[in-house]
Protein backbone atom coordinates (compact mmCIF):
# COMPACT_ATOMS: atom_id res chain seq x y z
CA MET A 1 -83.57 33.97 39.46
CA THR A 2 -80.91 31.90 37.76
CA ALA A 3 -77.45 30.91 38.97
CA THR A 4 -74.67 28.57 38.01
CA LYS A 5 -73.28 25.91 40.32
CA GLU A 6 -70.20 28.05 40.93
CA GLU A 7 -72.33 31.07 41.85
CA LEU A 8 -74.30 29.03 44.38
CA ILE A 9 -71.10 27.70 45.97
CA GLU A 10 -69.91 31.29 46.22
CA ARG A 11 -73.13 32.20 48.05
CA ILE A 12 -72.36 29.49 50.61
CA ARG A 13 -68.84 30.87 51.06
CA ASN A 14 -70.15 34.41 51.46
CA ALA A 15 -72.44 33.26 54.27
CA PHE A 16 -69.90 30.97 55.95
CA ASP A 17 -66.46 32.57 55.62
CA PRO A 18 -67.11 35.81 57.59
CA ILE A 19 -68.24 33.90 60.70
CA GLN A 20 -65.37 32.80 62.93
CA SER A 21 -67.43 32.73 66.12
CA PHE A 22 -70.78 33.81 67.47
CA THR A 23 -72.82 34.17 70.63
CA MET A 24 -76.60 34.03 70.32
CA THR A 25 -79.66 34.02 72.51
CA VAL A 26 -82.47 31.80 71.26
CA ASP A 27 -85.86 30.37 71.97
CA MET A 28 -85.90 26.57 71.64
CA ALA A 29 -88.92 24.40 70.96
CA ALA A 30 -88.47 20.63 70.79
CA SER A 31 -90.60 17.65 69.88
CA SER A 32 -89.88 13.93 69.76
CA GLY A 33 -91.29 10.59 68.82
CA ALA A 34 -92.85 11.19 65.40
CA LEU A 35 -90.60 8.87 63.43
CA TYR A 36 -90.88 5.82 65.66
CA THR A 37 -94.33 5.99 67.20
CA GLY A 38 -96.35 8.20 64.91
CA GLU A 39 -97.10 10.37 67.93
CA VAL A 40 -95.49 13.73 68.56
CA THR A 41 -94.58 14.95 72.04
CA ASP A 42 -94.15 18.71 72.09
CA TYR A 43 -92.09 20.29 74.85
CA ALA A 44 -92.50 23.78 76.23
CA THR A 45 -90.51 26.51 74.53
CA ILE A 46 -87.44 27.41 76.56
CA GLY A 47 -84.76 30.05 76.36
CA GLY A 48 -81.15 29.41 75.65
CA TYR A 49 -77.69 30.47 74.60
CA VAL A 50 -75.48 29.11 71.86
CA LEU A 51 -71.74 29.82 71.71
CA PHE A 52 -69.61 28.72 68.78
CA GLN A 53 -66.01 29.13 67.73
CA ARG A 54 -64.17 27.56 64.84
CA PRO A 55 -63.17 24.95 64.11
CA GLY A 56 -65.81 23.17 66.20
CA ASP A 57 -66.11 24.40 69.79
CA ILE A 58 -69.76 24.74 70.77
CA ARG A 59 -71.80 25.17 73.93
CA ILE A 60 -75.60 25.09 74.23
CA ILE A 61 -77.41 26.10 77.41
CA GLY A 62 -81.16 25.68 77.86
CA THR A 63 -82.91 27.87 80.43
CA ALA A 64 -86.36 27.84 81.98
CA PRO A 65 -88.73 30.66 80.98
CA VAL A 66 -88.99 33.65 83.33
CA ILE A 67 -86.83 32.29 86.17
CA GLN A 68 -83.88 31.55 83.85
CA THR A 69 -82.62 28.50 85.75
CA THR A 70 -80.47 26.08 83.75
CA LEU A 71 -82.33 23.08 82.34
CA PHE A 72 -79.33 21.60 80.55
CA ASP A 73 -75.78 22.61 79.71
CA MET A 74 -73.94 20.90 76.86
CA ALA A 75 -70.42 21.60 75.59
CA SER A 76 -68.00 20.11 73.09
CA MET A 77 -64.37 20.87 72.31
CA GLY A 78 -63.41 18.26 69.75
CA ALA A 79 -64.45 14.61 69.84
CA GLU A 80 -65.64 14.61 73.49
CA PHE A 81 -68.79 16.26 74.75
CA ARG A 82 -70.25 16.87 78.20
CA ILE A 83 -73.81 17.47 79.32
CA TYR A 84 -75.20 18.47 82.71
CA ILE A 85 -78.90 18.16 83.62
CA PRO A 86 -79.33 19.83 87.04
CA SER A 87 -82.89 18.63 87.67
CA LYS A 88 -81.74 15.00 87.40
CA ASN A 89 -78.37 15.62 89.02
CA ARG A 90 -76.72 13.97 86.00
CA PHE A 91 -73.35 14.83 84.45
CA MET A 92 -72.49 12.80 81.36
CA VAL A 93 -69.29 12.57 79.33
CA GLY A 94 -68.81 10.75 76.04
CA ARG A 95 -67.68 10.81 72.47
CA GLU A 96 -69.92 12.48 69.93
CA ASP A 97 -69.75 9.46 67.64
CA VAL A 98 -71.26 7.20 70.32
CA PRO A 99 -75.01 6.84 69.60
CA GLY A 100 -77.46 7.69 72.35
CA THR A 101 -79.32 4.84 74.04
CA SER A 102 -81.69 6.72 76.35
CA LYS A 103 -85.42 6.06 76.09
CA SER A 104 -85.82 9.84 76.13
CA GLN A 105 -84.86 10.98 72.63
CA LEU A 106 -83.87 14.44 73.83
CA GLU A 107 -81.27 12.94 76.18
CA ASN A 108 -79.63 11.53 73.06
CA LEU A 109 -79.06 15.02 71.69
CA ARG A 110 -75.44 15.67 70.76
CA PRO A 111 -73.60 18.96 70.04
CA GLU A 112 -72.95 17.73 66.50
CA ALA A 113 -76.66 18.09 65.73
CA PHE A 114 -76.35 21.85 66.31
CA ARG A 115 -72.86 22.21 64.84
CA THR A 116 -73.92 20.61 61.56
CA ALA A 117 -77.11 22.63 61.26
CA LEU A 118 -76.14 26.13 62.35
CA LEU A 119 -73.54 26.77 59.65
CA VAL A 120 -73.68 25.51 56.07
CA ARG A 121 -70.10 24.73 55.14
CA PRO A 122 -68.82 25.16 51.58
CA PRO A 123 -67.84 21.98 49.74
CA ASP A 124 -64.17 21.01 49.99
CA PRO A 125 -62.77 20.96 46.44
CA ALA A 126 -59.93 18.66 47.55
CA THR A 127 -62.23 15.83 48.62
CA GLU A 128 -65.71 16.63 47.28
CA THR A 129 -67.49 16.93 43.97
CA THR A 130 -70.65 18.96 43.41
CA LEU A 131 -73.64 18.49 41.13
CA LEU A 132 -76.54 20.85 40.52
CA GLU A 133 -80.24 19.96 40.20
CA ASP A 134 -82.86 22.48 39.10
CA ASP A 135 -86.05 21.31 40.84
CA THR A 136 -88.50 23.76 39.33
CA ASP A 137 -92.12 23.15 38.33
CA GLU A 138 -95.55 24.76 38.74
CA THR A 139 -95.41 24.53 42.55
CA LYS A 140 -91.77 25.15 43.47
CA ALA A 141 -88.53 26.68 42.25
CA VAL A 142 -85.47 25.27 44.01
CA TYR A 143 -81.84 24.70 43.17
CA ILE A 144 -80.30 21.67 44.91
CA LEU A 145 -76.53 21.48 45.27
CA LEU A 146 -75.49 17.86 45.76
CA ILE A 147 -72.15 17.44 47.57
CA VAL A 148 -70.45 14.11 46.94
CA ARG A 149 -67.33 12.84 48.73
CA ARG A 150 -64.62 11.22 46.61
CA ASP A 151 -62.78 8.30 48.24
CA GLN A 152 -60.54 6.70 45.62
CA ASP A 153 -63.04 5.12 43.18
CA GLN A 154 -66.02 5.44 45.51
CA LEU A 155 -68.49 8.34 45.51
CA THR A 156 -70.73 8.99 48.53
CA LEU A 157 -73.50 11.57 48.80
CA VAL A 158 -72.87 13.55 52.02
CA ARG A 159 -75.03 16.68 51.78
CA ASN A 160 -77.68 18.52 49.79
CA VAL A 161 -77.99 22.30 50.04
CA TYR A 162 -81.25 23.90 48.89
CA PHE A 163 -81.64 27.41 47.41
CA GLU A 164 -84.99 29.12 46.89
CA ARG A 165 -84.90 30.50 43.35
CA HIS A 166 -86.93 33.66 44.01
CA SER A 167 -84.11 35.02 46.18
CA LEU A 168 -81.28 32.43 45.92
CA GLU A 169 -81.29 32.27 49.73
CA ILE A 170 -80.25 29.01 51.39
CA VAL A 171 -83.46 27.43 52.66
CA GLY A 172 -82.34 23.93 53.62
CA GLN A 173 -79.60 21.40 54.16
CA LYS A 174 -79.82 17.61 54.33
CA THR A 175 -76.98 15.36 55.50
CA PHE A 176 -76.62 11.63 54.89
CA GLU A 177 -74.98 8.51 56.27
CA PRO A 178 -72.77 6.53 53.84
CA SER A 179 -75.69 4.10 53.48
CA GLY A 180 -77.89 6.91 52.19
CA LYS A 181 -80.03 7.30 55.31
CA VAL A 182 -80.84 10.86 56.29
CA LEU A 183 -78.89 12.06 59.33
CA SER A 184 -80.36 15.54 59.58
CA GLU A 185 -82.65 17.86 57.69
CA THR A 186 -82.51 21.57 58.49
CA LYS A 187 -84.74 24.36 57.18
CA TYR A 188 -83.68 28.03 57.24
CA THR A 189 -86.08 30.97 57.06
CA GLY A 190 -86.18 34.61 58.09
CA TRP A 191 -82.71 35.64 56.98
CA HIS A 192 -81.80 38.73 58.99
CA ASP A 193 -78.94 41.19 59.29
CA PHE A 194 -77.20 40.69 62.63
CA GLY A 195 -74.66 43.48 62.94
CA GLY A 196 -73.72 43.33 59.28
CA THR A 197 -73.84 39.54 58.95
CA SER A 198 -76.75 37.80 57.24
CA PHE A 199 -78.02 34.78 59.19
CA PRO A 200 -81.34 32.88 59.37
CA SER A 201 -83.47 33.84 62.36
CA ASP A 202 -85.50 30.61 62.25
CA ILE A 203 -83.72 27.23 62.12
CA ASP A 204 -85.65 23.96 62.20
CA ILE A 205 -83.44 20.91 62.89
CA GLU A 206 -84.87 17.44 62.30
CA ARG A 207 -82.97 14.29 63.31
CA PRO A 208 -85.09 11.41 62.02
CA GLN A 209 -82.92 8.57 63.30
CA GLU A 210 -82.87 9.96 66.86
CA GLY A 211 -86.55 10.82 66.57
CA PHE A 212 -86.52 14.48 67.56
CA GLU A 213 -86.86 17.98 66.17
CA VAL A 214 -85.52 21.26 67.60
CA ARG A 215 -86.71 24.63 66.35
CA LEU A 216 -84.50 27.62 67.12
CA THR A 217 -85.60 31.25 66.95
CA VAL A 218 -82.56 33.53 67.04
CA LEU A 219 -83.31 36.58 69.20
CA THR A 220 -79.88 38.22 69.33
CA MET A 221 -76.56 37.36 67.74
CA ARG A 222 -73.05 38.76 68.13
CA VAL A 223 -70.75 37.61 65.35
CA ASN A 224 -66.99 37.23 65.86
CA SER A 225 -67.34 38.10 69.53
CA ALA A 226 -64.49 35.59 70.18
CA PRO A 227 -65.68 33.82 73.36
CA THR A 228 -62.73 32.91 75.56
CA ALA A 229 -61.67 29.26 75.73
CA ASP A 230 -63.03 28.83 79.26
CA LYS A 231 -66.57 29.53 77.97
CA PHE A 232 -66.50 26.12 76.28
CA VAL A 233 -65.35 24.21 79.38
CA LEU A 234 -68.15 22.49 81.29
CA GLU A 235 -66.76 21.52 84.68
CA GLN A 236 -68.09 18.61 86.71
CA PRO A 237 -70.29 19.96 89.53
CA GLN A 238 -69.41 19.01 93.08
CA ASP A 239 -71.21 15.98 94.51
CA VAL A 240 -72.33 14.84 91.05
CA GLN A 241 -70.98 11.55 89.76
CA VAL A 242 -69.72 11.31 86.19
CA GLU A 243 -71.55 8.96 83.83
CA GLU A 244 -69.41 7.63 80.99
CA LEU A 245 -71.41 7.24 77.79
CA LYS A 246 -70.11 4.24 75.85
């Protein structure tokens, strides 16, 4: 299939604009260590819930299989995030822009990793310029939409969005630091109709600098269910000391 740059941007808007909020149940499978050690540690698949509401409120809860006890609970409403790990009796609070320093890569997970990956945002015409690459040969057929931020006379590549040309579905998104290093690379497959809204049922999130990967399988999804504000508030448990992440 063929499409112009404007038609591909419109496809992003058609996928993004209808979603104001969602509540989903997921299976989560994580691995860590590949980038830094060359060895991959795979963790058991767990259950979970993801709640999201624009502009950026998000909560992710991981649960143990079968018994459904909480393994971790992470929430963000703005610049600050909170995470509670019951098995370690740890409750941590910090800013999302503060890099993780734990030896366990998964403890460095931040809500922004999910927020960036779960929804592909349209480019902002006020601050961003787009370019289109047709990466098609004998083995692949992909459109790549390059999104470049304009800051006075400086141009910075911020994101690439990938479209598979047999269907024009969004199959990937890559985000970058100003230096050009890859922040995240997300792959989308299994687009499915969830109550009238098309959404990928398999989302593979790679964070090369943090050294981990999280694969989400969406089991159920309620779109525009409008979770109440208190659903995004993670309160400090009694008898658990707060750790400030700096």
